[in-house]
Protein backbone atom coordinates (compact mmCIF):
# COMPACT_ATOMS: atom_id res chain seq x y z
CA UNK A 1 22.91 20.72 -15.50
CA UNK A 2 19.10 21.19 -16.84
CA UNK A 3 20.64 22.84 -19.63
CA UNK A 4 22.59 20.25 -20.25
CA UNK A 5 20.37 17.16 -19.53
CA UNK A 6 16.68 18.88 -20.63
CA UNK A 7 13.85 19.48 -18.63
CA UNK A 8 13.11 16.27 -16.45
CA UNK A 9 9.28 16.11 -17.71
CA UNK A 10 10.60 15.93 -21.23
CA UNK A 11 10.71 12.09 -21.10
CA UNK A 12 8.13 9.62 -21.56
CA UNK A 13 8.55 9.07 -17.74
CA UNK A 14 8.86 12.44 -16.41
CA UNK A 15 5.71 13.47 -18.95
CA UNK A 16 3.92 11.01 -16.84
CA UNK A 17 5.04 12.07 -13.22
CA UNK A 18 4.21 15.54 -13.82
CA UNK A 19 0.71 14.57 -14.80
CA UNK A 20 0.28 12.35 -12.22
CA UNK A 21 1.71 15.24 -9.64
CA UNK A 22 -0.46 18.03 -11.04
CA UNK A 23 -1.66 20.61 -8.78
CA UNK A 24 -5.87 20.00 -10.92
CA UNK A 25 -5.65 16.62 -9.58
CA UNK A 26 -8.02 16.08 -6.84
CA UNK A 27 -6.59 12.65 -5.79
CA UNK A 28 -3.85 10.14 -6.91
CA UNK A 29 -4.22 8.67 -10.32
CA UNK A 30 -2.88 5.18 -9.68
CA UNK A 31 -3.52 4.05 -13.27
CA UNK A 32 -0.94 6.40 -14.26
CA UNK A 33 1.29 5.75 -10.88
CA UNK A 34 1.30 2.15 -12.39
CA UNK A 35 2.08 3.14 -15.98
CA UNK A 36 5.12 5.15 -14.23
CA UNK A 37 6.29 2.20 -12.59
CA UNK A 38 6.16 -0.02 -15.47
CA UNK A 39 8.20 2.58 -17.65
CA UNK A 40 11.08 2.28 -14.95
CA UNK A 41 11.19 -1.39 -14.79
CA UNK A 42 10.54 -1.79 -18.64
CA UNK A 43 13.37 0.76 -19.71
CA UNK A 44 16.62 1.22 -19.86
CA UNK A 45 16.45 4.87 -18.60
CA UNK A 46 13.12 4.54 -17.03
CA UNK A 47 14.85 4.35 -13.38
CA UNK A 48 17.30 7.71 -13.56
CA UNK A 49 14.47 9.99 -15.78
CA UNK A 50 11.90 9.03 -13.45
CA UNK A 51 13.90 9.95 -10.20
CA UNK A 52 15.03 13.10 -11.99
CA UNK A 53 11.50 14.39 -12.45
CA UNK A 54 10.25 13.61 -9.08
CA UNK A 55 13.05 15.45 -7.63
CA UNK A 56 12.14 18.26 -9.41
CA UNK A 57 8.76 18.46 -8.61
CA UNK A 58 9.46 18.29 -4.62
CA UNK A 59 12.95 20.36 -4.41
CA UNK A 60 11.61 24.26 -3.39
CA UNK A 61 7.81 23.63 -4.20
CA UNK A 62 5.55 25.08 -2.17
CA UNK A 63 2.51 23.47 -3.37
CA UNK A 64 1.97 20.91 -0.74
CA UNK A 65 -0.75 19.33 -2.75
CA UNK A 66 1.60 18.62 -6.03
CA UNK A 67 4.43 17.49 -2.99
CA UNK A 68 1.89 15.11 -1.71
CA UNK A 69 1.39 13.41 -4.51
CA UNK A 70 4.87 13.57 -5.79
CA UNK A 71 5.54 11.64 -2.49
CA UNK A 72 2.88 9.09 -3.30
CA UNK A 73 4.53 8.19 -6.53
CA UNK A 74 7.53 8.08 -5.10
CA UNK A 75 6.19 5.99 -2.70
CA UNK A 76 4.35 3.60 -5.35
CA UNK A 77 7.78 3.44 -7.03
CA UNK A 78 10.08 2.01 -4.19
CA UNK A 79 7.23 -0.24 -3.67
CA UNK A 80 6.63 -1.77 -7.18
CA UNK A 81 10.19 -0.82 -8.88
CA UNK A 82 13.11 -3.13 -8.41
CA UNK A 83 16.91 -2.33 -7.43
CA UNK A 84 18.16 0.12 -10.12
CA UNK A 85 15.58 3.02 -8.91
CA UNK A 86 16.53 1.85 -5.10
CA UNK A 87 19.95 2.85 -5.81
CA UNK A 88 18.79 6.01 -6.64
CA UNK A 89 16.11 6.95 -3.90
CA UNK A 90 17.93 5.43 -0.93
CA UNK A 91 21.00 7.38 -1.22
CA UNK A 92 22.07 10.12 1.43
CA UNK A 93 21.99 12.78 -0.47
CA UNK A 94 18.54 12.25 -2.26
CA UNK A 95 17.22 11.53 1.61
CA UNK A 96 18.80 14.23 3.00
CA UNK A 97 18.90 17.31 0.43
CA UNK A 98 15.17 16.53 -0.99
CA UNK A 99 13.47 14.91 1.84
CA UNK A 100 14.58 16.31 4.97
CA UNK A 101 14.61 19.72 3.30
CA UNK A 102 10.96 19.58 2.70
CA UNK A 103 10.35 18.86 6.40
CA UNK A 104 12.55 21.80 7.80
CA UNK A 105 10.74 23.94 10.06
CA UNK A 106 11.82 27.19 7.86
CA UNK A 107 9.62 25.56 5.22
CA UNK A 108 6.45 25.35 7.03
CA UNK A 109 5.38 21.97 6.09
CA UNK A 110 2.00 20.91 6.75
CA UNK A 111 1.63 17.86 8.68
CA UNK A 112 0.59 15.56 6.84
CA UNK A 113 3.75 16.23 4.87
CA UNK A 114 5.78 15.99 7.84
CA UNK A 115 4.71 12.65 8.68
CA UNK A 116 4.42 11.07 5.18
CA UNK A 117 8.48 11.77 4.79
CA UNK A 118 9.26 10.44 8.06
CA UNK A 119 7.38 7.71 7.58
CA UNK A 120 8.91 7.14 4.20
CA UNK A 121 12.44 7.44 5.71
CA UNK A 122 11.92 4.71 8.57
CA UNK A 123 10.26 2.43 6.07
CA UNK A 124 12.83 2.39 3.77
CA UNK A 125 15.69 2.76 6.56
CA UNK A 126 13.98 -0.91 7.97
CA UNK A 127 13.39 -2.69 4.62
CA UNK A 128 16.98 -1.45 3.18
CA UNK A 129 19.03 -1.70 5.87
CA UNK A 130 20.68 -5.17 5.22
CA UNK A 131 21.56 -4.15 1.79
CA UNK A 132 24.64 -2.80 2.04
CA UNK A 133 24.42 -0.29 -1.47
CA UNK A 134 21.01 0.93 -0.05
CA UNK A 135 22.23 1.51 3.43
CA UNK A 136 22.27 5.72 2.82
CA UNK A 137 19.12 6.37 3.87
CA UNK A 138 19.34 4.11 7.22
CA UNK A 139 22.31 6.75 7.80
CA UNK A 140 20.17 9.62 7.62
CA UNK A 141 17.28 8.06 9.93
CA UNK A 142 19.74 6.90 12.64
CA UNK A 143 21.67 10.84 12.40
CA UNK A 144 18.00 12.27 12.66
CA UNK A 145 16.61 9.78 16.18
CA UNK A 146 20.44 10.83 17.37
CA UNK A 147 19.40 14.42 17.14
CA UNK A 148 15.64 13.77 19.03
CA UNK A 149 13.49 14.11 15.80
CA UNK A 150 10.04 12.06 17.11
CA UNK A 151 9.10 9.62 14.05
CA UNK A 152 5.32 8.44 13.67
CA UNK A 153 4.44 5.72 15.38
CA UNK A 154 4.25 3.43 12.97
CA UNK A 155 4.10 -0.36 13.24
CA UNK A 156 6.33 -1.56 10.43
CA UNK A 157 5.25 -5.28 10.84
CA UNK A 158 1.88 -3.61 9.27
CA UNK A 159 3.54 -1.58 6.67
CA UNK A 160 3.03 -3.43 2.99
CA UNK A 161 6.45 -4.71 1.68
CA UNK A 162 9.04 -2.22 0.24
CA UNK A 163 11.24 -4.33 -1.94
CA UNK A 164 10.22 -8.04 -2.17
CA UNK A 165 12.49 -11.26 -2.14
CA UNK A 166 12.71 -13.71 -5.28
CA UNK A 167 9.26 -14.91 -5.60
CA UNK A 168 8.69 -18.12 -3.93
CA UNK A 169 6.02 -19.42 -5.47
CA UNK A 170 7.76 -22.26 -7.53
CA UNK A 171 10.56 -23.30 -5.40
CA UNK A 172 11.35 -26.88 -4.56
CA UNK A 173 12.26 -25.84 -1.19
CA UNK A 174 9.21 -23.86 -0.68
CA UNK A 175 7.44 -25.14 2.31
CA UNK A 176 3.91 -24.52 0.81
CA UNK A 177 5.65 -27.33 -1.44
CA UNK A 178 5.59 -30.03 1.05
CA UNK A 179 1.82 -30.47 1.10
CA UNK A 180 1.27 -29.85 -2.77
CA UNK A 181 1.37 -33.04 -5.20
CA UNK A 182 4.42 -33.27 -7.33
CA UNK A 183 4.31 -31.76 -10.76
CA UNK A 184 4.72 -28.95 -13.43
CA UNK A 185 1.70 -27.15 -12.52
CA UNK A 186 2.78 -24.16 -9.92
CA UNK A 187 3.62 -24.96 -6.33
CA UNK A 188 2.11 -23.61 -3.13
CA UNK A 189 -1.23 -22.70 -4.45
CA UNK A 190 -3.22 -23.75 -1.29
CA UNK A 191 -1.15 -21.96 0.92
CA UNK A 192 -0.21 -18.81 -0.76
CA UNK A 193 -4.39 -18.36 -1.02
CA UNK A 194 -5.00 -18.98 2.02
CA UNK A 195 -9.02 -19.57 3.80
CA UNK A 196 -9.59 -16.34 4.77
CA UNK A 197 -12.99 -15.24 6.48
CA UNK A 198 -14.38 -11.66 7.39
CA UNK A 199 -17.28 -10.76 9.29
CA UNK A 200 -20.13 -11.14 7.16
CA UNK A 201 -23.96 -11.77 7.79
CA UNK A 202 -27.40 -12.05 6.26
CA UNK A 203 -28.70 -9.06 6.96
CA UNK A 204 -28.37 -6.50 4.18
CA UNK A 205 -29.52 -3.81 6.15
CA UNK A 206 -27.59 -4.68 8.94
CA UNK A 207 -24.45 -2.25 9.69
CA UNK A 208 -23.90 -2.50 13.30
CA UNK A 209 -20.28 -1.49 14.27
CA UNK A 210 -17.76 -3.50 15.93
CA UNK A 211 -15.54 -2.93 18.62
CA UNK A 212 -12.73 -5.62 18.75
CA UNK A 213 -11.34 -6.90 21.53
CA UNK A 214 -7.05 -7.13 21.88
CA UNK A 215 -7.40 -10.88 20.82
CA UNK A 216 -9.73 -10.01 17.90
CA UNK A 217 -7.57 -7.31 16.82
CA UNK A 218 -4.42 -9.48 16.83
CA UNK A 219 -6.28 -12.20 15.02
CA UNK A 220 -7.73 -9.57 12.19
CA UNK A 221 -4.02 -8.45 12.15
CA UNK A 222 -2.15 -12.07 11.78
CA UNK A 223 -5.49 -12.87 8.43
CA UNK A 224 -3.98 -9.17 6.91
CA UNK A 225 -0.60 -10.25 6.91
CA UNK A 226 -1.44 -13.20 4.59
CA UNK A 227 -3.98 -10.91 2.19
CA UNK A 228 -0.62 -8.75 1.81
CA UNK A 229 1.05 -11.96 0.96
CA UNK A 230 -1.59 -12.99 -1.73
CA UNK A 231 -0.94 -8.96 -3.12
CA UNK A 232 3.08 -9.72 -3.13
CA UNK A 233 3.13 -12.67 -4.69
CA UNK A 234 0.64 -11.35 -7.43
CA UNK A 235 2.57 -8.14 -7.63
CA UNK A 236 5.89 -10.47 -8.06
CA UNK A 237 4.22 -12.31 -10.98
CA UNK A 238 2.93 -9.12 -12.69
CA UNK A 239 6.53 -7.79 -12.39
CA UNK A 240 8.28 -11.26 -14.04
CA UNK A 241 5.77 -12.11 -16.42
CA UNK A 242 5.87 -11.18 -20.08
CA UNK A 243 2.26 -10.46 -21.89
CA UNK A 244 1.75 -12.56 -24.51
CA UNK A 245 4.54 -14.99 -23.44
CA UNK A 246 3.28 -16.77 -20.14
CA UNK A 247 2.94 -20.08 -19.75
CA UNK A 248 -0.90 -21.51 -19.04
CA UNK A 249 0.18 -22.30 -15.74
CA UNK A 250 1.42 -18.85 -14.65
CA UNK A 251 -1.84 -17.09 -16.14
CA UNK A 252 -3.84 -19.47 -14.16
CA UNK A 253 -2.48 -18.97 -10.83
CA UNK A 254 -2.34 -15.37 -11.88
CA UNK A 255 -5.98 -15.84 -12.35
CA UNK A 256 -6.61 -17.54 -9.58
CA UNK A 257 -4.86 -14.99 -7.13
CA UNK A 258 -6.91 -12.08 -8.73
CA UNK A 259 -10.29 -13.75 -7.97
CA UNK A 260 -8.98 -14.33 -4.27
CA UNK A 261 -8.02 -10.88 -3.61
CA UNK A 262 -11.14 -9.75 -5.23
CA UNK A 263 -13.19 -11.41 -2.72
CA UNK A 264 -10.93 -10.80 0.04
CA UNK A 265 -11.20 -6.91 -1.10
CA UNK A 266 -15.22 -7.59 -0.69
CA UNK A 267 -14.95 -8.58 2.89
CA UNK A 268 -12.59 -5.68 3.27
CA UNK A 269 -14.96 -2.90 2.41
CA UNK A 270 -17.48 -4.80 4.31
CA UNK A 271 -15.44 -4.26 7.32
CA UNK A 272 -14.50 -0.63 6.66
CA UNK A 273 -17.08 1.05 7.84
CA UNK A 274 -18.14 -1.05 10.84
CA UNK A 275 -14.50 -1.07 12.57
CA UNK A 276 -14.81 1.05 15.69
CA UNK A 277 -10.86 0.90 16.03
CA UNK A 278 -8.78 3.81 14.05
CA UNK A 279 -5.58 2.27 13.23
CA UNK A 280 -7.62 -0.96 12.40
CA UNK A 281 -9.51 0.90 9.88
CA UNK A 282 -6.63 2.88 8.28
CA UNK A 283 -4.77 -0.24 7.82
CA UNK A 284 -7.93 -1.84 5.84
CA UNK A 285 -7.53 1.46 4.04
CA UNK A 286 -4.09 1.23 2.88
CA UNK A 287 -4.79 -2.62 2.33
CA UNK A 288 -7.40 -1.89 0.10
CA UNK A 289 -5.45 0.97 -1.62
CA UNK A 290 -2.48 -2.24 -2.08
CA UNK A 291 -5.65 -4.26 -3.55
CA UNK A 292 -6.39 -1.44 -5.95
CA UNK A 293 -2.55 -1.07 -6.90
CA UNK A 294 -2.42 -4.82 -8.17
CA UNK A 295 -5.92 -4.86 -9.55
CA UNK A 296 -4.06 -2.04 -12.01
CA UNK A 297 -1.69 -3.46 -12.85
CA UNK A 298 -3.52 -6.86 -13.64
CA UNK A 299 -5.88 -5.28 -16.19
CA UNK A 300 -3.28 -3.89 -17.65
CA UNK A 301 -1.54 -6.71 -18.14
CA UNK A 302 -4.52 -8.71 -19.29
CA UNK A 303 -4.79 -5.83 -21.85
CA UNK A 304 -1.41 -6.22 -23.34
CA UNK A 305 -1.85 -9.76 -23.32
CA UNK A 306 -4.98 -9.23 -25.42
CA UNK A 307 -3.13 -6.70 -27.68
CA UNK A 308 -5.43 -3.58 -26.57
CA UNK A 309 -4.33 -0.44 -26.16
CA UNK A 310 -3.71 0.74 -22.91
CA UNK A 311 -5.85 4.01 -21.66
CA UNK A 312 -4.45 5.99 -19.12
CA UNK A 313 -7.57 8.03 -17.46
CA UNK A 314 -6.91 11.52 -16.18
CA UNK A 315 -8.54 10.38 -13.00
CA UNK A 316 -9.38 7.33 -11.48
CA UNK A 317 -12.44 6.71 -9.56
CA UNK A 318 -11.90 6.00 -5.59
CA UNK A 319 -11.61 2.28 -5.82
CA UNK A 320 -14.20 0.31 -4.07
CA UNK A 321 -14.07 -2.25 -6.66
CA UNK A 322 -17.67 -3.92 -7.14
CA UNK A 323 -16.64 -7.49 -7.05
CA UNK A 324 -20.37 -9.08 -6.64
CA UNK A 325 -23.34 -9.10 -4.50
CA UNK A 326 -21.49 -8.87 -1.25
CA UNK A 327 -22.73 -10.74 2.08
CA UNK A 328 -24.56 -9.24 4.24
CA UNK A 329 -23.06 -8.23 7.51
CA UNK A 330 -24.52 -9.28 10.67
CA UNK A 331 -27.97 -11.00 11.75
CA UNK A 332 -29.92 -11.37 14.79
CA UNK A 333 -30.66 -15.12 15.59
CA UNK A 334 -34.16 -15.92 16.52
CA UNK A 335 -33.06 -17.52 19.53
CA UNK A 336 -31.69 -14.77 21.43
CA UNK A 337 -32.85 -10.77 20.63
CA UNK A 338 -29.80 -8.97 22.47
CA UNK A 339 -26.85 -11.06 20.54
CA UNK A 340 -25.97 -10.52 17.20
CA UNK A 341 -24.86 -13.14 15.00
CA UNK A 342 -22.27 -12.58 11.83
CA UNK A 343 -21.20 -15.49 9.62
CA UNK A 344 -17.62 -15.87 8.23
CA UNK A 345 -17.19 -15.57 4.68
CA UNK A 346 -14.04 -17.69 3.70
CA UNK A 347 -12.10 -17.90 0.74
CA UNK A 348 -11.02 -21.78 -0.10
CA UNK A 349 -9.09 -22.35 -3.14
CA UNK A 350 -9.36 -26.10 -3.77
CA UNK A 351 -8.97 -26.90 -7.69
CA UNK A 352 -9.05 -23.26 -8.84
CA UNK A 353 -11.89 -22.31 -7.41
CA UNK A 354 -13.14 -19.67 -4.76
CA UNK A 355 -15.69 -21.19 -2.25
CA UNK A 356 -16.90 -19.83 0.65
CA UNK A 357 -17.37 -21.60 4.41
CA UNK A 358 -19.53 -19.63 7.25
CA UNK A 359 -19.21 -19.97 10.98
CA UNK A 360 -20.93 -17.75 13.44
CA UNK A 361 -19.39 -15.08 15.72
CA UNK A 362 -21.84 -14.30 18.63
CA UNK A 363 -22.10 -10.97 20.52
CA UNK A 364 -23.78 -9.68 23.94
CA UNK A 365 -23.85 -6.55 24.55
CA UNK A 366 -20.34 -6.58 22.64
CA UNK A 367 -18.36 -9.36 20.60
CA UNK A 368 -17.17 -11.88 22.95
CA UNK A 369 -16.15 -14.38 20.51
CA UNK A 370 -13.05 -13.93 18.07
CA UNK A 371 -13.04 -12.62 14.40
CA UNK A 372 -12.71 -15.40 12.44
CA UNK A 373 -10.04 -15.49 9.66
CA UNK A 374 -9.13 -12.20 7.86
CA UNK A 375 -6.70 -10.12 6.06
CA UNK A 376 -4.44 -7.19 5.50
CA UNK A 377 -1.64 -3.43 6.69
CA UNK A 378 -0.17 -0.42 7.99
CA UNK A 379 0.11 1.93 10.75
CA UNK A 380 -1.15 4.86 12.20
CA UNK A 381 -0.13 8.94 11.75
CA UNK A 382 -1.84 8.31 8.21
CA UNK A 383 -5.02 7.64 8.91
CA UNK A 384 -6.52 11.23 8.53
CA UNK A 385 -4.76 11.32 4.95
CA UNK A 386 -6.80 8.29 4.03
CA UNK A 387 -9.72 9.31 5.35
CA UNK A 388 -9.94 12.91 3.66
CA UNK A 389 -8.40 12.83 0.37
CA UNK A 390 -7.60 15.96 0.18
CA UNK A 391 -5.48 18.59 0.87
CA UNK A 392 -5.61 22.10 2.53
CA UNK A 393 -3.42 24.78 1.51
CA UNK A 394 -1.06 25.20 4.40
CA UNK A 395 -1.46 29.00 4.46
CA UNK A 396 -5.07 28.49 5.66
CA UNK A 397 -4.13 26.84 8.57
CA UNK A 398 -2.49 29.50 10.77
CA UNK A 399 -1.32 27.55 13.74
CA UNK A 400 0.37 24.92 11.35
CA UNK A 401 3.38 26.43 11.44
CA UNK A 402 4.19 27.53 15.53
CA UNK A 403 2.83 24.06 16.36
CA UNK A 404 5.16 22.17 14.34
CA UNK A 405 8.33 24.55 15.12
CA UNK A 406 7.43 23.83 18.93
CA UNK A 407 7.45 20.27 17.70
CA UNK A 408 10.94 20.53 16.27
CA UNK A 409 12.52 22.73 18.89
CA UNK A 410 11.18 20.68 21.75
CA UNK A 411 12.99 17.56 20.30
CA UNK A 412 16.10 19.00 18.57
CA UNK A 413 14.74 17.89 15.59
CA UNK A 414 16.11 18.63 12.11
CA UNK A 415 18.89 20.81 12.45
CA UNK A 416 22.78 21.15 11.99
CA UNK A 417 24.55 20.82 8.37
CA UNK A 418 24.73 17.21 8.25
CA UNK A 419 21.09 16.75 7.58
CA UNK A 420 20.61 19.67 4.47
């Protein structure tokens, strides 16, 4: 078949996938990943060519670093591309013969790859369950569960959206419009760009750790959903708008979203090193990744709009984007030596501007008050891979194969002809 169709890496998108999954890369090349998504969305053969290239990189590849990079490209494309690509990757044949095959015990995959594959299958099954032509992955997921395969503990509500509904920013029946003045201007700005508050404070050298209470965790996660909503709307707009042909009102909203998301990211970066909660830290890191992805797409959109050439760097620095001077995190009030007070920096969009509001959060030995509003997403077993962006040679991890084989045998894992 390859003789007839040519190498999967010979097409424009295939060439980029080959570069984005090259084993010499130390970490993901997000700029290249997003360019791959653009080609898939904008060209007729993009989805099929990308599908073939990703499949080629994964099947039979014993370099699990390359496999992991390919899975990341695949995940990014599913999140940022449309139905034409979803139909290909959600098919039962692809999920069974490509993804499930990777994690068979005989292939001795490292834990990070094993968990990544199961997380993708689980999240796709949940996202595509209601789409009749995308239920192949659902069938595989249910079959694996019946056979006793244990999936990673992942809160699906915390995952970033996979396939997003039609944009509702301008919908006349959108709930946000009820509080918006009538007119031709973009509707729902105030409700889309919710005020967001993260712990911050005036002491630049203050980096005291925070151990959140269950109530604070719940409130923080609810605010993370708001951030995800902003990222989703911005991503949808970048998908739909054509550089050079966008309406001024659309551009204004897009620029406002970009400014707001950058301010949100600054608060996220302030919290990441301080939160003493592994799952929350992972969710913050994932949110930061999602923000960086959408910023790369926005930068590309602006360059195309300005008629500048798009540069694709071989490597992209890890995305601790500096959005300006960061607000100090925690301050000790003069009235109480043992209590810590942190100000909550809020993002409030009034007439197209971002303003900061401050509230206080006291702590005596522990934090007693709530986190005031915040924003972002995701689940558990991927924490280590997010914290350490390097991949070990599975042959160097001598105890891994036995441990994974034992895990598969104890759960009656992936076996039988129905899977492969």
